[in-house]
Amino acid sequence: MYWILFIGVALLSYVVQASFQKNFQKASQLPLLNGMAGREVAVRMLSDHGIHDVKVTSTPGQLTDNFNPTNKTVNLSQAVYAQTNVAAAAVAAHECGHAVQHATGYFPVKLRSALVPVVSVSSRLVPIVLLVGMLLINIFPQIMWIGIGLFALTTLFSIVTLPVEIDASRRALAWLNQADIIDPSNADEARGALRSAAYTYVVGALSSLATLIYYLSIFTGRK
């Protein structure tokens, strides 16, 4: 049963990634009629939401875009920062959506932030604890149970991340339409890019849940 689930998640991951690449590439080929670069889109969205203490910066790499609440920066990959297409606008607005979440006290993002230090520690301990637990499962089954508990925290983190990412995309798309950054001719491409990006987090959560089920099956079938 686990392998059926694992293969299903793997196939779903492939389909979602392929869809994301296709939608993102398509949106990247559509220029914004107003000629705004990703940085300008981000600055304007922050300003429109009354956020003036968050800085927009450029960060190396591809798909490295993120919002850092610690130093209050929206970090855009170099392509998104400088390019003037629908994909860049969508990504920039999505990351600013996270800034808006923090500014408005959106509960799921507060919960996710509270889990970060816990998950940071548990994710480092999980491989060691689970390995020892599987080796000693018939002698000290409690170790395996502790490892499963630690891994369950990372699964919970993945699940809590889902509404955070989906809501950020929803805020981004709503603002892009309201501010006339996109128009009816390219709204579908912006929506497709944001939606397929959100689906990658759904697959991540399912993958983590499938792995948790696998460890539970090892524990329950140890005899």
Protein backbone atom coordinates (compact mmCIF):
# COMPACT_ATOMS: atom_id res chain seq x y z
CA MET A 1 0.00 0.00 0.00
CA TYR A 2 2.83 2.39 0.85
CA TRP A 3 4.59 1.83 -2.46
CA ILE A 4 1.37 2.51 -4.35
CA LEU A 5 1.06 5.76 -2.40
CA PHE A 6 4.73 6.60 -2.95
CA ILE A 7 4.56 6.00 -6.71
CA GLY A 8 1.33 8.00 -6.91
CA VAL A 9 2.94 10.97 -5.14
CA ALA A 10 6.04 10.71 -7.35
CA LEU A 11 3.91 10.77 -10.52
CA LEU A 12 1.85 13.67 -9.18
CA SER A 13 5.05 15.55 -8.38
CA TYR A 14 6.30 15.06 -11.93
CA VAL A 15 3.02 16.29 -13.42
CA VAL A 16 2.89 19.33 -11.14
CA GLN A 17 6.51 20.28 -11.81
CA ALA A 18 6.00 19.92 -15.55
CA SER A 19 2.86 22.06 -15.36
CA PHE A 20 4.66 24.68 -13.29
CA GLN A 21 7.55 24.89 -15.77
CA LYS A 22 5.14 25.13 -18.70
CA ASN A 23 2.97 27.83 -17.12
CA PHE A 24 5.93 29.82 -15.85
CA GLN A 25 7.66 29.70 -19.22
CA LYS A 26 4.48 30.82 -20.95
CA ALA A 27 4.00 33.72 -18.52
CA SER A 28 7.67 34.67 -18.94
CA GLN A 29 7.11 35.32 -22.63
CA LEU A 30 4.30 37.82 -22.05
CA PRO A 31 5.56 41.37 -21.45
CA LEU A 32 3.65 43.69 -19.14
CA LEU A 33 2.03 46.47 -21.10
CA ASN A 34 3.06 49.03 -18.45
CA GLY A 35 6.72 47.93 -18.66
CA MET A 36 7.11 47.48 -14.90
CA ALA A 37 9.93 45.25 -13.69
CA GLY A 38 9.46 42.78 -10.84
CA ARG A 39 11.11 45.17 -8.40
CA GLU A 40 8.71 47.97 -9.34
CA VAL A 41 5.73 45.66 -8.97
CA ALA A 42 6.90 44.64 -5.49
CA VAL A 43 7.53 48.21 -4.36
CA ARG A 44 4.11 49.33 -5.54
CA MET A 45 2.25 46.42 -3.94
CA LEU A 46 3.94 47.06 -0.59
CA SER A 47 3.13 50.76 -0.85
CA ASP A 48 -0.51 50.09 -1.78
CA HIS A 49 -0.86 48.00 1.39
CA GLY A 50 0.73 50.66 3.58
CA ILE A 51 3.93 48.68 4.13
CA HIS A 52 6.92 51.03 4.12
CA ASP A 53 9.44 49.20 6.30
CA VAL A 54 10.11 46.28 3.91
CA LYS A 55 12.99 46.53 1.44
CA VAL A 56 13.01 44.87 -2.00
CA THR A 57 16.36 43.29 -2.88
CA SER A 58 17.89 41.12 -5.59
CA THR A 59 19.20 37.67 -4.68
CA PRO A 60 21.34 35.30 -6.81
CA GLY A 61 19.95 32.16 -8.42
CA GLN A 62 16.71 31.01 -10.00
CA LEU A 63 13.45 30.49 -8.09
CA THR A 64 15.19 31.81 -4.96
CA ASP A 65 12.50 34.40 -4.35
CA ASN A 66 11.37 34.73 -0.74
CA PHE A 67 10.15 37.07 1.97
CA ASN A 68 12.32 37.27 5.09
CA PRO A 69 10.30 38.56 8.05
CA THR A 70 13.41 38.69 10.25
CA ASN A 71 15.11 41.52 8.35
CA LYS A 72 11.93 42.59 6.52
CA THR A 73 13.11 42.07 2.97
CA VAL A 74 11.40 40.80 -0.16
CA ASN A 75 14.23 38.99 -1.96
CA LEU A 76 13.68 38.50 -5.68
CA SER A 77 15.82 36.34 -7.93
CA GLN A 78 17.80 38.36 -10.45
CA ALA A 79 15.48 37.48 -13.35
CA VAL A 80 12.31 38.37 -11.45
CA TYR A 81 13.87 41.54 -10.05
CA ALA A 82 14.75 42.99 -13.46
CA GLN A 83 12.37 41.45 -16.00
CA THR A 84 9.15 43.05 -17.19
CA ASN A 85 6.94 40.07 -17.90
CA VAL A 86 3.84 38.51 -16.36
CA ALA A 87 5.79 35.75 -14.57
CA ALA A 88 8.07 38.25 -12.85
CA ALA A 89 5.09 40.33 -11.76
CA ALA A 90 3.29 37.25 -10.41
CA VAL A 91 6.29 36.05 -8.40
CA ALA A 92 7.04 39.51 -7.03
CA ALA A 93 3.42 39.98 -5.98
CA HIS A 94 3.32 36.53 -4.38
CA GLU A 95 6.33 37.28 -2.18
CA CYS A 96 4.80 40.62 -1.24
CA GLY A 97 1.68 38.67 -0.35
CA HIS A 98 3.71 37.10 2.46
CA ALA A 99 4.73 40.57 3.66
CA VAL A 100 1.05 41.55 3.74
CA GLN A 101 0.26 38.39 5.72
CA HIS A 102 2.80 39.33 8.38
CA ALA A 103 1.62 42.94 8.46
CA THR A 104 -2.01 41.91 8.95
CA GLY A 105 -1.33 39.12 11.45
CA TYR A 106 -2.63 36.31 9.25
CA PHE A 107 -3.01 33.38 11.67
CA PRO A 108 -1.57 30.53 9.54
CA VAL A 109 1.61 32.53 8.93
CA LYS A 110 1.91 33.22 12.66
CA LEU A 111 1.53 29.50 13.35
CA ARG A 112 4.09 28.66 10.68
CA SER A 113 6.56 31.18 12.12
CA ALA A 114 6.10 29.65 15.58
CA LEU A 115 6.93 26.20 14.18
CA VAL A 116 10.12 27.31 12.39
CA PRO A 117 12.55 27.01 15.36
CA VAL A 118 11.01 23.69 16.44
CA VAL A 119 11.15 22.21 12.94
CA SER A 120 14.67 23.52 12.43
CA VAL A 121 15.87 21.42 15.37
CA SER A 122 13.70 18.37 14.69
CA SER A 123 14.71 18.16 11.01
CA ARG A 124 18.37 17.84 12.05
CA LEU A 125 17.60 15.12 14.60
CA VAL A 126 15.14 13.06 12.53
CA PRO A 127 17.64 11.11 10.34
CA ILE A 128 19.76 10.05 13.32
CA VAL A 129 16.87 9.20 15.64
CA LEU A 130 15.00 7.23 12.97
CA LEU A 131 18.11 5.28 11.95
CA VAL A 132 18.87 4.33 15.56
CA GLY A 133 15.20 3.61 16.12
CA MET A 134 14.98 1.20 13.18
CA LEU A 135 18.16 -0.61 14.28
CA LEU A 136 16.90 -1.01 17.83
CA ILE A 137 13.20 -1.25 17.06
CA ASN A 138 12.72 -4.58 18.84
CA ILE A 139 14.80 -3.58 21.86
CA PHE A 140 13.92 0.07 22.41
CA PRO A 141 10.84 0.81 20.29
CA GLN A 142 10.46 4.13 22.12
CA ILE A 143 13.36 5.58 20.08
CA MET A 144 11.49 4.90 16.83
CA TRP A 145 8.39 6.49 18.29
CA ILE A 146 10.37 9.63 19.16
CA GLY A 147 11.73 9.76 15.60
CA ILE A 148 8.24 9.45 14.17
CA GLY A 149 7.08 12.25 16.45
CA LEU A 150 9.90 14.49 15.25
CA PHE A 151 9.14 13.72 11.61
CA ALA A 152 5.45 14.41 12.26
CA LEU A 153 6.44 17.97 13.18
CA THR A 154 7.98 18.47 9.73
CA THR A 155 4.83 17.05 8.15
CA LEU A 156 2.71 19.44 10.20
CA PHE A 157 4.93 22.28 9.02
CA SER A 158 4.34 21.27 5.39
CA ILE A 159 0.60 21.16 5.94
CA VAL A 160 0.52 24.54 7.70
CA THR A 161 2.54 25.99 4.81
CA LEU A 162 -0.28 25.20 2.35
CA PRO A 163 -2.79 27.89 3.39
CA VAL A 164 0.09 30.38 3.72
CA GLU A 165 1.23 29.86 0.12
CA ILE A 166 -2.26 29.61 -1.34
CA ASP A 167 -3.36 32.79 0.43
CA ALA A 168 -0.24 34.67 -0.73
CA SER A 169 -1.06 33.74 -4.34
CA ARG A 170 -4.70 34.77 -3.83
CA ARG A 171 -3.63 38.16 -2.48
CA ALA A 172 -1.14 38.57 -5.32
CA LEU A 173 -3.66 37.82 -8.06
CA ALA A 174 -6.34 40.05 -6.51
CA TRP A 175 -3.93 42.97 -6.26
CA LEU A 176 -2.48 42.46 -9.76
CA ASN A 177 -5.99 42.76 -11.17
CA GLN A 178 -7.04 45.63 -8.92
CA ALA A 179 -3.91 47.67 -9.64
CA ASP A 180 -4.17 47.00 -13.40
CA ILE A 181 -0.72 45.40 -13.44
CA ILE A 182 -2.17 42.63 -15.56
CA ASP A 183 -5.10 42.81 -17.97
CA PRO A 184 -7.63 40.32 -19.40
CA SER A 185 -5.18 39.37 -22.15
CA ASN A 186 -2.66 37.89 -19.70
CA ALA A 187 -4.68 37.27 -16.51
CA ASP A 188 -5.01 33.55 -17.26
CA GLU A 189 -1.24 33.16 -17.55
CA ALA A 190 -0.66 34.94 -14.24
CA ARG A 191 -3.30 32.81 -12.56
CA GLY A 192 -1.83 29.63 -14.04
CA ALA A 193 1.70 30.45 -12.87
CA LEU A 194 0.55 31.24 -9.33
CA ARG A 195 -1.74 28.21 -9.12
CA SER A 196 0.85 25.72 -10.37
CA ALA A 197 3.40 27.16 -7.94
CA ALA A 198 0.96 26.57 -5.07
CA TYR A 199 0.42 22.98 -6.23
CA THR A 200 4.11 22.23 -5.68
CA TYR A 201 3.53 22.82 -1.96
CA VAL A 202 0.55 20.48 -2.03
CA VAL A 203 2.76 17.74 -3.48
CA GLY A 204 5.43 18.48 -0.87
CA ALA A 205 2.90 18.04 1.92
CA LEU A 206 1.58 14.80 0.40
CA SER A 207 5.12 13.47 0.04
CA SER A 208 5.88 14.23 3.67
CA LEU A 209 2.62 12.60 4.74
CA ALA A 210 3.39 9.49 2.66
CA THR A 211 6.82 9.21 4.31
CA LEU A 212 5.26 9.58 7.75
CA ILE A 213 2.85 6.73 6.92
CA TYR A 214 5.84 4.62 5.85
CA TYR A 215 7.62 5.12 9.18
CA LEU A 216 4.41 4.35 11.04
CA SER A 217 4.03 1.14 9.04
CA ILE A 218 7.56 0.09 10.05
CA PHE A 219 6.77 0.77 13.71
CA THR A 220 3.41 -0.98 13.75
CA GLY A 221 4.73 -3.99 11.80
CA ARG A 222 7.95 -4.45 13.77
CA LYS A 223 6.81 -7.83 15.14
